[in-house]
Amino acid sequence: MRLFLALTPSPEILSRIVAFQARLIEELGKEGITWVKPANLHLTLLFLGEVPEKRMSALDQALDQTIGRNLEFQLRYFGLGKFGSLREPRVLWMGIQAPPALLNLALAIAQAGQQFMPEKPPPFKAHLTLARFRKPIGPSASEILNSLIEAEADTEFGAQYINRVSLVQSTLSSAGPLYKTLKNYQLRRKLC
């Protein structure tokens, strides 16, 4: 099974993200850009890749113990950015304020998940992917993209309380990836 661990936006935050994404689509278009479907928007904590069925029980136990030791926290969505160069962007993303609790959670999950992965996971970068670029963009599109990133750098999309992590199965298809949540792992409640 092709798996990853993720945080999903609340319905309220998701509606704001989808409205913002629609505005970006109007500005940038769809040519050469694959926009993430609203149902697939998430923050990836760790991409595990292919995990054999026979290892699922051990993975479940490792995740349950690891995630349950981490505290709930608040996550803030803001800004716009890209991975890649000016003319060859790869990913357009929404920013995530990375509080220490998020970074600790991502690190703990990476350590627990490493035994189920063929290679060491890449460093965690808190972001929510909005689109992927399939090819380099021209000078005018590059100018529009960079103007949007500058204009939206400090835009706030809201905050939400995070109390669970989802284990998600990803099935690749010609229509794009299909995601199915296999299990939600609860974070430890904060005592006030």
N, C-alpha and C. Protein backbone atom coordinates (compact mmCIF):
# COMPACT_ATOMS: atom_id res chain seq x y z
N MET A 1 0.84 -1.19 0.00
CA MET A 1 0.00 0.00 0.00
C MET A 1 0.88 1.24 0.00
N ARG A 2 0.50 2.22 -0.78
CA ARG A 2 1.21 3.51 -0.85
C ARG A 2 0.60 4.41 0.21
N LEU A 3 1.39 4.82 1.20
CA LEU A 3 0.85 5.50 2.38
C LEU A 3 1.58 6.80 2.70
N PHE A 4 0.83 7.69 3.36
CA PHE A 4 1.44 8.88 3.95
C PHE A 4 0.66 9.28 5.19
N LEU A 5 1.28 10.11 6.03
CA LEU A 5 0.64 10.63 7.24
C LEU A 5 0.41 12.12 7.04
N ALA A 6 -0.79 12.58 7.41
CA ALA A 6 -1.15 13.95 7.07
C ALA A 6 -2.04 14.60 8.12
N LEU A 7 -2.09 15.92 8.03
CA LEU A 7 -3.05 16.74 8.76
C LEU A 7 -3.99 17.32 7.72
N THR A 8 -5.27 17.34 8.01
CA THR A 8 -6.23 17.87 7.04
C THR A 8 -6.86 19.16 7.55
N PRO A 9 -7.09 20.10 6.66
CA PRO A 9 -7.73 21.35 7.07
C PRO A 9 -9.15 21.10 7.57
N SER A 10 -9.57 21.90 8.53
CA SER A 10 -10.96 21.83 9.00
C SER A 10 -11.87 22.29 7.86
N PRO A 11 -13.17 21.96 7.91
CA PRO A 11 -14.08 22.41 6.84
C PRO A 11 -14.06 23.92 6.63
N GLU A 12 -13.99 24.68 7.70
CA GLU A 12 -13.97 26.15 7.60
C GLU A 12 -12.70 26.63 6.88
N ILE A 13 -11.55 26.11 7.28
CA ILE A 13 -10.28 26.48 6.65
C ILE A 13 -10.27 26.00 5.20
N LEU A 14 -10.75 24.77 4.97
CA LEU A 14 -10.77 24.22 3.62
C LEU A 14 -11.56 25.11 2.67
N SER A 15 -12.70 25.63 3.12
CA SER A 15 -13.51 26.49 2.23
C SER A 15 -12.74 27.76 1.88
N ARG A 16 -11.97 28.30 2.81
CA ARG A 16 -11.15 29.49 2.52
C ARG A 16 -10.04 29.16 1.53
N ILE A 17 -9.42 28.00 1.73
CA ILE A 17 -8.33 27.59 0.84
C ILE A 17 -8.87 27.37 -0.58
N VAL A 18 -10.01 26.72 -0.69
CA VAL A 18 -10.60 26.43 -2.00
C VAL A 18 -10.96 27.75 -2.71
N ALA A 19 -11.51 28.71 -1.99
CA ALA A 19 -11.84 30.01 -2.59
C ALA A 19 -10.57 30.72 -3.07
N PHE A 20 -9.52 30.66 -2.26
CA PHE A 20 -8.24 31.26 -2.63
C PHE A 20 -7.65 30.54 -3.85
N GLN A 21 -7.72 29.22 -3.85
CA GLN A 21 -7.20 28.43 -4.97
C GLN A 21 -7.94 28.79 -6.26
N ALA A 22 -9.26 28.99 -6.17
CA ALA A 22 -10.05 29.37 -7.36
C ALA A 22 -9.56 30.71 -7.91
N ARG A 23 -9.23 31.63 -7.02
CA ARG A 23 -8.71 32.93 -7.44
C ARG A 23 -7.35 32.76 -8.14
N LEU A 24 -6.53 31.87 -7.61
CA LEU A 24 -5.22 31.62 -8.22
C LEU A 24 -5.38 30.98 -9.60
N ILE A 25 -6.34 30.09 -9.74
CA ILE A 25 -6.60 29.45 -11.03
C ILE A 25 -7.01 30.51 -12.06
N GLU A 26 -7.83 31.48 -11.64
CA GLU A 26 -8.21 32.57 -12.55
C GLU A 26 -6.99 33.35 -13.00
N GLU A 27 -6.06 33.60 -12.09
CA GLU A 27 -4.86 34.39 -12.40
C GLU A 27 -3.83 33.61 -13.23
N LEU A 28 -3.61 32.34 -12.86
CA LEU A 28 -2.53 31.57 -13.47
C LEU A 28 -3.00 30.60 -14.56
N GLY A 29 -4.29 30.27 -14.56
CA GLY A 29 -4.82 29.32 -15.54
C GLY A 29 -4.50 27.88 -15.18
N LYS A 30 -4.73 27.00 -16.13
CA LYS A 30 -4.53 25.57 -15.88
C LYS A 30 -3.48 24.96 -16.80
N GLU A 31 -3.04 25.70 -17.81
CA GLU A 31 -2.08 25.14 -18.76
C GLU A 31 -0.74 24.87 -18.09
N GLY A 32 -0.34 23.60 -18.11
CA GLY A 32 0.94 23.21 -17.52
C GLY A 32 0.93 23.14 -16.01
N ILE A 33 -0.25 23.31 -15.38
CA ILE A 33 -0.36 23.31 -13.92
C ILE A 33 -1.40 22.28 -13.51
N THR A 34 -1.05 21.43 -12.57
CA THR A 34 -2.00 20.49 -12.00
C THR A 34 -2.42 21.03 -10.63
N TRP A 35 -3.67 21.43 -10.52
CA TRP A 35 -4.19 21.98 -9.27
C TRP A 35 -4.67 20.83 -8.39
N VAL A 36 -4.32 20.87 -7.12
CA VAL A 36 -4.74 19.83 -6.18
C VAL A 36 -6.24 19.95 -5.97
N LYS A 37 -6.94 18.82 -6.08
CA LYS A 37 -8.39 18.80 -5.87
C LYS A 37 -8.69 19.13 -4.40
N PRO A 38 -9.78 19.87 -4.15
CA PRO A 38 -10.11 20.24 -2.77
C PRO A 38 -10.11 19.06 -1.79
N ALA A 39 -10.63 17.91 -2.21
CA ALA A 39 -10.69 16.74 -1.31
C ALA A 39 -9.30 16.21 -0.99
N ASN A 40 -8.29 16.58 -1.78
CA ASN A 40 -6.94 16.06 -1.58
C ASN A 40 -6.00 17.03 -0.88
N LEU A 41 -6.50 18.21 -0.48
CA LEU A 41 -5.65 19.19 0.18
C LEU A 41 -5.30 18.71 1.59
N HIS A 42 -4.01 18.71 1.90
CA HIS A 42 -3.55 18.24 3.20
C HIS A 42 -2.12 18.72 3.44
N LEU A 43 -1.66 18.59 4.66
CA LEU A 43 -0.27 18.86 5.01
C LEU A 43 0.39 17.50 5.26
N THR A 44 1.34 17.12 4.44
CA THR A 44 2.01 15.82 4.59
C THR A 44 3.05 15.91 5.70
N LEU A 45 2.93 15.03 6.68
CA LEU A 45 3.93 14.92 7.74
C LEU A 45 5.04 13.96 7.33
N LEU A 46 4.65 12.87 6.67
CA LEU A 46 5.64 11.89 6.22
C LEU A 46 5.04 11.05 5.10
N PHE A 47 5.78 10.95 4.00
CA PHE A 47 5.38 10.05 2.92
C PHE A 47 6.13 8.75 3.13
N LEU A 48 5.39 7.69 3.41
CA LEU A 48 6.00 6.38 3.68
C LEU A 48 6.30 5.61 2.40
N GLY A 49 5.52 5.85 1.35
CA GLY A 49 5.66 5.07 0.13
C GLY A 49 4.97 3.73 0.28
N GLU A 50 5.49 2.74 -0.42
CA GLU A 50 4.88 1.40 -0.41
C GLU A 50 5.20 0.67 0.90
N VAL A 51 4.16 0.27 1.61
CA VAL A 51 4.31 -0.52 2.84
C VAL A 51 3.58 -1.84 2.62
N PRO A 52 4.29 -2.96 2.72
CA PRO A 52 3.63 -4.26 2.52
C PRO A 52 2.53 -4.50 3.56
N GLU A 53 1.50 -5.17 3.16
CA GLU A 53 0.36 -5.48 4.03
C GLU A 53 0.81 -6.17 5.32
N LYS A 54 1.81 -7.05 5.22
CA LYS A 54 2.27 -7.79 6.39
C LYS A 54 2.96 -6.90 7.44
N ARG A 55 3.31 -5.66 7.07
CA ARG A 55 3.96 -4.72 8.01
C ARG A 55 2.97 -3.73 8.61
N MET A 56 1.71 -3.80 8.18
CA MET A 56 0.71 -2.82 8.62
C MET A 56 0.46 -2.84 10.13
N SER A 57 0.43 -4.01 10.73
CA SER A 57 0.18 -4.12 12.17
C SER A 57 1.31 -3.45 12.96
N ALA A 58 2.54 -3.71 12.56
CA ALA A 58 3.69 -3.10 13.23
C ALA A 58 3.69 -1.58 13.03
N LEU A 59 3.34 -1.13 11.82
CA LEU A 59 3.25 0.30 11.54
C LEU A 59 2.18 0.94 12.42
N ASP A 60 1.02 0.32 12.49
CA ASP A 60 -0.08 0.83 13.31
C ASP A 60 0.35 0.99 14.77
N GLN A 61 1.01 0.00 15.30
CA GLN A 61 1.45 0.04 16.70
C GLN A 61 2.48 1.15 16.91
N ALA A 62 3.44 1.27 16.01
CA ALA A 62 4.47 2.31 16.13
C ALA A 62 3.85 3.71 16.07
N LEU A 63 2.90 3.89 15.15
CA LEU A 63 2.27 5.21 15.00
C LEU A 63 1.38 5.53 16.20
N ASP A 64 0.64 4.55 16.67
CA ASP A 64 -0.25 4.76 17.80
C ASP A 64 0.54 5.22 19.02
N GLN A 65 1.64 4.56 19.30
CA GLN A 65 2.48 4.93 20.45
C GLN A 65 3.12 6.30 20.24
N THR A 66 3.68 6.52 19.08
CA THR A 66 4.40 7.76 18.80
C THR A 66 3.47 8.97 18.80
N ILE A 67 2.40 8.89 18.04
CA ILE A 67 1.50 10.04 17.90
C ILE A 67 0.80 10.33 19.22
N GLY A 68 0.41 9.30 19.94
CA GLY A 68 -0.28 9.48 21.22
C GLY A 68 0.54 10.16 22.30
N ARG A 69 1.86 10.23 22.12
CA ARG A 69 2.72 10.91 23.09
C ARG A 69 2.84 12.40 22.81
N ASN A 70 2.37 12.84 21.66
CA ASN A 70 2.49 14.25 21.27
C ASN A 70 1.22 15.01 21.60
N LEU A 71 1.39 16.27 22.00
CA LEU A 71 0.27 17.10 22.42
C LEU A 71 -0.47 17.73 21.24
N GLU A 72 -1.76 17.98 21.44
CA GLU A 72 -2.55 18.75 20.48
C GLU A 72 -1.93 20.14 20.36
N PHE A 73 -2.19 20.82 19.25
CA PHE A 73 -1.63 22.15 19.03
C PHE A 73 -2.47 22.92 18.04
N GLN A 74 -2.18 24.21 17.93
CA GLN A 74 -2.87 25.07 16.97
C GLN A 74 -1.98 25.27 15.75
N LEU A 75 -2.60 25.25 14.58
CA LEU A 75 -1.90 25.41 13.31
C LEU A 75 -2.47 26.63 12.61
N ARG A 76 -1.60 27.47 12.05
CA ARG A 76 -2.04 28.67 11.36
C ARG A 76 -1.63 28.59 9.89
N TYR A 77 -2.59 28.86 9.01
CA TYR A 77 -2.36 28.85 7.56
C TYR A 77 -2.17 30.29 7.09
N PHE A 78 -1.10 30.55 6.35
CA PHE A 78 -0.86 31.91 5.87
C PHE A 78 0.08 31.91 4.68
N GLY A 79 -0.05 32.94 3.86
CA GLY A 79 0.90 33.21 2.81
C GLY A 79 0.89 32.22 1.64
N LEU A 80 1.74 32.52 0.69
CA LEU A 80 1.86 31.76 -0.54
C LEU A 80 3.34 31.70 -0.90
N GLY A 81 3.79 30.56 -1.42
CA GLY A 81 5.18 30.42 -1.80
C GLY A 81 5.32 29.34 -2.87
N LYS A 82 6.57 29.09 -3.26
CA LYS A 82 6.82 28.08 -4.28
C LYS A 82 8.13 27.37 -3.98
N PHE A 83 8.23 26.14 -4.47
CA PHE A 83 9.49 25.42 -4.52
C PHE A 83 9.92 25.46 -5.97
N GLY A 84 11.20 25.63 -6.20
CA GLY A 84 11.71 25.72 -7.56
C GLY A 84 12.19 27.13 -7.86
N SER A 85 12.66 27.32 -9.06
CA SER A 85 13.22 28.61 -9.46
C SER A 85 12.14 29.54 -10.02
N LEU A 86 12.58 30.75 -10.34
CA LEU A 86 11.69 31.78 -10.89
C LEU A 86 10.98 31.30 -12.16
N ARG A 87 11.73 30.71 -13.09
CA ARG A 87 11.16 30.27 -14.37
C ARG A 87 10.72 28.81 -14.36
N GLU A 88 11.21 28.05 -13.37
CA GLU A 88 10.86 26.63 -13.30
C GLU A 88 10.35 26.26 -11.91
N PRO A 89 9.21 26.86 -11.54
CA PRO A 89 8.64 26.46 -10.25
C PRO A 89 8.16 25.01 -10.34
N ARG A 90 8.23 24.29 -9.22
CA ARG A 90 7.75 22.91 -9.19
C ARG A 90 6.43 22.80 -8.43
N VAL A 91 6.34 23.52 -7.32
CA VAL A 91 5.18 23.42 -6.44
C VAL A 91 4.77 24.81 -5.97
N LEU A 92 3.46 25.07 -5.98
CA LEU A 92 2.89 26.29 -5.41
C LEU A 92 2.23 25.87 -4.10
N TRP A 93 2.58 26.54 -3.00
CA TRP A 93 2.07 26.10 -1.71
C TRP A 93 1.55 27.24 -0.84
N MET A 94 0.72 26.85 0.12
CA MET A 94 0.25 27.76 1.17
C MET A 94 1.14 27.52 2.38
N GLY A 95 1.51 28.60 3.04
CA GLY A 95 2.38 28.49 4.20
C GLY A 95 1.67 27.97 5.44
N ILE A 96 2.45 27.37 6.31
CA ILE A 96 1.96 26.85 7.58
C ILE A 96 2.90 27.37 8.66
N GLN A 97 2.35 28.02 9.68
CA GLN A 97 3.19 28.40 10.80
C GLN A 97 3.59 27.09 11.49
N ALA A 98 4.86 26.89 11.66
CA ALA A 98 5.35 25.63 12.22
C ALA A 98 5.68 25.80 13.70
N PRO A 99 4.68 25.65 14.57
CA PRO A 99 4.97 25.75 15.99
C PRO A 99 5.83 24.57 16.43
N PRO A 100 6.55 24.70 17.54
CA PRO A 100 7.41 23.59 18.00
C PRO A 100 6.66 22.26 18.08
N ALA A 101 5.40 22.26 18.48
CA ALA A 101 4.65 21.00 18.59
C ALA A 101 4.52 20.31 17.24
N LEU A 102 4.35 21.07 16.15
CA LEU A 102 4.26 20.48 14.81
C LEU A 102 5.61 19.89 14.41
N LEU A 103 6.67 20.63 14.64
CA LEU A 103 8.01 20.14 14.29
C LEU A 103 8.37 18.90 15.09
N ASN A 104 8.02 18.89 16.38
CA ASN A 104 8.28 17.72 17.22
C ASN A 104 7.49 16.51 16.73
N LEU A 105 6.23 16.73 16.36
CA LEU A 105 5.38 15.66 15.85
C LEU A 105 5.96 15.08 14.56
N ALA A 106 6.33 15.95 13.63
CA ALA A 106 6.89 15.50 12.35
C ALA A 106 8.18 14.71 12.57
N LEU A 107 9.03 15.17 13.47
CA LEU A 107 10.27 14.47 13.76
C LEU A 107 10.00 13.11 14.38
N ALA A 108 9.09 13.04 15.35
CA ALA A 108 8.76 11.77 16.00
C ALA A 108 8.17 10.78 15.00
N ILE A 109 7.31 11.26 14.11
CA ILE A 109 6.71 10.39 13.10
C ILE A 109 7.77 9.90 12.12
N ALA A 110 8.68 10.77 11.73
CA ALA A 110 9.76 10.37 10.81
C ALA A 110 10.63 9.29 11.45
N GLN A 111 10.93 9.44 12.74
CA GLN A 111 11.74 8.44 13.43
C GLN A 111 11.00 7.11 13.54
N ALA A 112 9.71 7.16 13.87
CA ALA A 112 8.92 5.93 13.98
C ALA A 112 8.71 5.28 12.61
N GLY A 113 8.53 6.10 11.59
CA GLY A 113 8.24 5.58 10.26
C GLY A 113 9.43 5.12 9.47
N GLN A 114 10.61 5.53 9.88
CA GLN A 114 11.82 5.23 9.10
C GLN A 114 12.03 3.73 8.90
N GLN A 115 11.67 2.93 9.88
CA GLN A 115 11.85 1.48 9.76
C GLN A 115 10.96 0.86 8.68
N PHE A 116 9.96 1.62 8.22
CA PHE A 116 9.02 1.12 7.21
C PHE A 116 9.32 1.71 5.83
N MET A 117 10.41 2.46 5.73
CA MET A 117 10.75 3.15 4.49
C MET A 117 12.06 2.61 3.93
N PRO A 118 12.19 2.61 2.60
CA PRO A 118 13.43 2.12 1.99
C PRO A 118 14.62 3.05 2.20
N GLU A 119 14.35 4.34 2.41
CA GLU A 119 15.44 5.30 2.61
C GLU A 119 15.03 6.34 3.64
N LYS A 120 16.01 7.10 4.12
CA LYS A 120 15.76 8.11 5.13
C LYS A 120 14.83 9.19 4.57
N PRO A 121 13.82 9.61 5.36
CA PRO A 121 12.90 10.63 4.85
C PRO A 121 13.59 11.99 4.71
N PRO A 122 13.12 12.80 3.76
CA PRO A 122 13.69 14.15 3.60
C PRO A 122 13.29 15.02 4.78
N PRO A 123 14.00 16.14 5.00
CA PRO A 123 13.63 17.05 6.09
C PRO A 123 12.19 17.56 5.91
N PHE A 124 11.50 17.74 7.00
CA PHE A 124 10.11 18.21 6.98
C PHE A 124 10.06 19.69 6.66
N LYS A 125 9.19 20.07 5.72
CA LYS A 125 8.94 21.48 5.38
C LYS A 125 7.44 21.68 5.45
N ALA A 126 6.99 22.44 6.44
CA ALA A 126 5.55 22.63 6.66
C ALA A 126 4.95 23.48 5.54
N HIS A 127 4.06 22.87 4.75
CA HIS A 127 3.37 23.57 3.67
C HIS A 127 2.17 22.74 3.23
N LEU A 128 1.25 23.38 2.54
CA LEU A 128 0.10 22.70 1.96
C LEU A 128 0.16 22.93 0.46
N THR A 129 0.36 21.88 -0.31
CA THR A 129 0.51 22.00 -1.77
C THR A 129 -0.82 22.38 -2.41
N LEU A 130 -0.79 23.45 -3.21
CA LEU A 130 -1.97 23.91 -3.94
C LEU A 130 -1.92 23.46 -5.40
N ALA A 131 -0.70 23.41 -5.97
CA ALA A 131 -0.56 23.06 -7.39
C ALA A 131 0.85 22.57 -7.67
N ARG A 132 0.98 21.80 -8.76
CA ARG A 132 2.28 21.34 -9.24
C ARG A 132 2.43 21.81 -10.69
N PHE A 133 3.62 22.27 -11.02
CA PHE A 133 3.90 22.74 -12.38
C PHE A 133 4.50 21.59 -13.18
N ARG A 134 3.92 21.33 -14.35
CA ARG A 134 4.38 20.21 -15.18
C ARG A 134 5.49 20.62 -16.15
N LYS A 135 5.69 21.92 -16.32
CA LYS A 135 6.72 22.39 -17.26
C LYS A 135 7.13 23.80 -16.85
N PRO A 136 8.27 24.29 -17.37
CA PRO A 136 8.68 25.67 -17.08
C PRO A 136 7.61 26.66 -17.55
N ILE A 137 7.57 27.82 -16.91
CA ILE A 137 6.59 28.83 -17.29
C ILE A 137 7.28 29.99 -18.00
N GLY A 138 6.53 30.70 -18.81
CA GLY A 138 7.08 31.83 -19.56
C GLY A 138 7.29 33.05 -18.69
N PRO A 139 7.92 34.09 -19.25
CA PRO A 139 8.22 35.30 -18.49
C PRO A 139 6.98 36.00 -17.92
N SER A 140 5.89 36.07 -18.70
CA SER A 140 4.69 36.77 -18.19
C SER A 140 4.04 35.97 -17.07
N ALA A 141 3.97 34.64 -17.20
CA ALA A 141 3.40 33.81 -16.14
C ALA A 141 4.28 33.87 -14.89
N SER A 142 5.59 33.92 -15.09
CA SER A 142 6.53 34.01 -13.98
C SER A 142 6.32 35.32 -13.22
N GLU A 143 6.10 36.40 -13.97
CA GLU A 143 5.86 37.71 -13.36
C GLU A 143 4.56 37.70 -12.56
N ILE A 144 3.51 37.12 -13.12
CA ILE A 144 2.22 37.01 -12.42
C ILE A 144 2.38 36.19 -11.14
N LEU A 145 3.04 35.04 -11.26
CA LEU A 145 3.23 34.16 -10.10
C LEU A 145 3.99 34.88 -8.99
N ASN A 146 5.08 35.53 -9.33
CA ASN A 146 5.87 36.19 -8.31
C ASN A 146 5.15 37.39 -7.70
N SER A 147 4.34 38.08 -8.50
CA SER A 147 3.51 39.17 -7.96
C SER A 147 2.49 38.64 -6.96
N LEU A 148 1.88 37.50 -7.30
CA LEU A 148 0.92 36.87 -6.39
C LEU A 148 1.58 36.46 -5.08
N ILE A 149 2.75 35.86 -5.18
CA ILE A 149 3.47 35.41 -3.97
C ILE A 149 3.79 36.61 -3.08
N GLU A 150 4.27 37.69 -3.69
CA GLU A 150 4.56 38.91 -2.91
C GLU A 150 3.30 39.49 -2.28
N ALA A 151 2.23 39.58 -3.06
CA ALA A 151 0.98 40.18 -2.57
C ALA A 151 0.33 39.35 -1.46
N GLU A 152 0.50 38.03 -1.51
CA GLU A 152 -0.17 37.15 -0.55
C GLU A 152 0.74 36.67 0.58
N ALA A 153 1.95 37.20 0.65
CA ALA A 153 2.93 36.71 1.63
C ALA A 153 2.41 36.73 3.06
N ASP A 154 1.63 37.73 3.42
CA ASP A 154 1.15 37.86 4.80
C ASP A 154 -0.34 37.58 4.96
N THR A 155 -0.98 37.08 3.92
CA THR A 155 -2.41 36.81 3.99
C THR A 155 -2.67 35.65 4.95
N GLU A 156 -3.61 35.87 5.87
CA GLU A 156 -3.98 34.84 6.85
C GLU A 156 -5.22 34.10 6.35
N PHE A 157 -5.21 32.79 6.47
CA PHE A 157 -6.35 31.98 6.07
C PHE A 157 -7.04 31.32 7.26
N GLY A 158 -6.53 31.59 8.44
CA GLY A 158 -7.15 31.08 9.65
C GLY A 158 -6.28 30.08 10.39
N ALA A 159 -6.81 29.67 11.54
CA ALA A 159 -6.10 28.72 12.39
C ALA A 159 -7.07 27.62 12.79
N GLN A 160 -6.51 26.48 13.13
CA GLN A 160 -7.34 25.38 13.61
C GLN A 160 -6.58 24.60 14.66
N TYR A 161 -7.33 23.94 15.49
CA TYR A 161 -6.77 23.09 16.52
C TYR A 161 -6.55 21.71 15.92
N ILE A 162 -5.35 21.17 16.07
CA ILE A 162 -5.00 19.86 15.53
C ILE A 162 -5.02 18.85 16.66
N ASN A 163 -5.88 17.84 16.53
CA ASN A 163 -5.95 16.82 17.58
C ASN A 163 -5.79 15.40 17.05
N ARG A 164 -5.50 15.28 15.74
CA ARG A 164 -5.31 13.94 15.19
C ARG A 164 -4.43 13.99 13.94
N VAL A 165 -3.87 12.83 13.63
CA VAL A 165 -3.05 12.63 12.44
C VAL A 165 -3.69 11.50 11.66
N SER A 166 -3.80 11.65 10.35
CA SER A 166 -4.44 10.64 9.51
C SER A 166 -3.40 9.81 8.76
N LEU A 167 -3.61 8.50 8.76
CA LEU A 167 -2.84 7.60 7.90
C LEU A 167 -3.67 7.44 6.63
N VAL A 168 -3.08 7.81 5.50
CA VAL A 168 -3.83 7.88 4.25
C VAL A 168 -3.21 6.95 3.21
N GLN A 169 -4.08 6.23 2.51
CA GLN A 169 -3.66 5.40 1.39
C GLN A 169 -3.83 6.22 0.11
N SER A 170 -2.80 6.20 -0.72
CA SER A 170 -2.83 6.92 -1.99
C SER A 170 -2.78 5.91 -3.13
N THR A 171 -3.81 5.95 -3.97
CA THR A 171 -3.85 5.09 -5.14
C THR A 171 -3.73 5.98 -6.37
N LEU A 172 -2.71 5.72 -7.18
CA LEU A 172 -2.49 6.54 -8.37
C LEU A 172 -3.44 6.08 -9.48
N SER A 173 -4.02 7.06 -10.17
CA SER A 173 -4.91 6.75 -11.30
C SER A 173 -4.69 7.80 -12.38
N SER A 174 -5.24 7.55 -13.55
CA SER A 174 -5.10 8.51 -14.65
C SER A 174 -5.82 9.83 -14.36
N ALA A 175 -6.78 9.79 -13.45
CA ALA A 175 -7.52 11.00 -13.06
C ALA A 175 -6.86 11.72 -11.89
N GLY A 176 -5.71 11.24 -11.47
CA GLY A 176 -5.01 11.83 -10.32
C GLY A 176 -5.07 10.88 -9.14
N PRO A 177 -4.37 11.22 -8.05
CA PRO A 177 -4.36 10.33 -6.91
C PRO A 177 -5.72 10.27 -6.21
N LEU A 178 -6.04 9.08 -5.71
CA LEU A 178 -7.25 8.89 -4.91
C LEU A 178 -6.80 8.61 -3.49
N TYR A 179 -7.33 9.37 -2.53
CA TYR A 179 -6.92 9.23 -1.14
C TYR A 179 -8.03 8.61 -0.32
N LYS A 180 -7.61 7.73 0.59
CA LYS A 180 -8.55 7.09 1.50
C LYS A 180 -7.91 7.07 2.88
N THR A 181 -8.59 7.68 3.86
CA THR A 181 -8.08 7.66 5.22
C THR A 181 -8.30 6.27 5.81
N LEU A 182 -7.20 5.65 6.24
CA LEU A 182 -7.27 4.31 6.82
C LEU A 182 -7.49 4.37 8.33
N LYS A 183 -6.88 5.37 8.97
CA LYS A 183 -7.01 5.48 10.42
C LYS A 183 -6.63 6.89 10.86
N ASN A 184 -7.29 7.36 11.91
CA ASN A 184 -6.93 8.62 12.56
C ASN A 184 -6.32 8.29 13.92
N TYR A 185 -5.16 8.87 14.19
CA TYR A 185 -4.46 8.69 15.46
C TYR A 185 -4.63 9.96 16.29
N GLN A 186 -5.08 9.80 17.52
CA GLN A 186 -5.35 10.94 18.39
C GLN A 186 -4.06 11.44 19.05
N LEU A 187 -3.92 12.76 19.06
CA LEU A 187 -2.85 13.38 19.82
C LEU A 187 -3.28 13.48 21.29
N ARG A 188 -2.33 13.65 22.17
CA ARG A 188 -2.62 13.74 23.60
C ARG A 188 -3.24 15.11 23.89
N ARG A 189 -4.29 15.08 24.69
CA ARG A 189 -4.97 16.33 25.07
C ARG A 189 -4.09 17.19 25.96
N LYS A 190 -4.18 18.50 25.74
CA LYS A 190 -3.50 19.44 26.62
C LYS A 190 -4.33 19.58 27.89
N LEU A 191 -3.69 19.56 29.03
CA LEU A 191 -4.41 19.79 30.28
C LEU A 191 -4.29 21.26 30.61
N CYS A 192 -5.43 21.91 30.80
CA CYS A 192 -5.42 23.36 31.07
C CYS A 192 -5.20 23.65 32.54
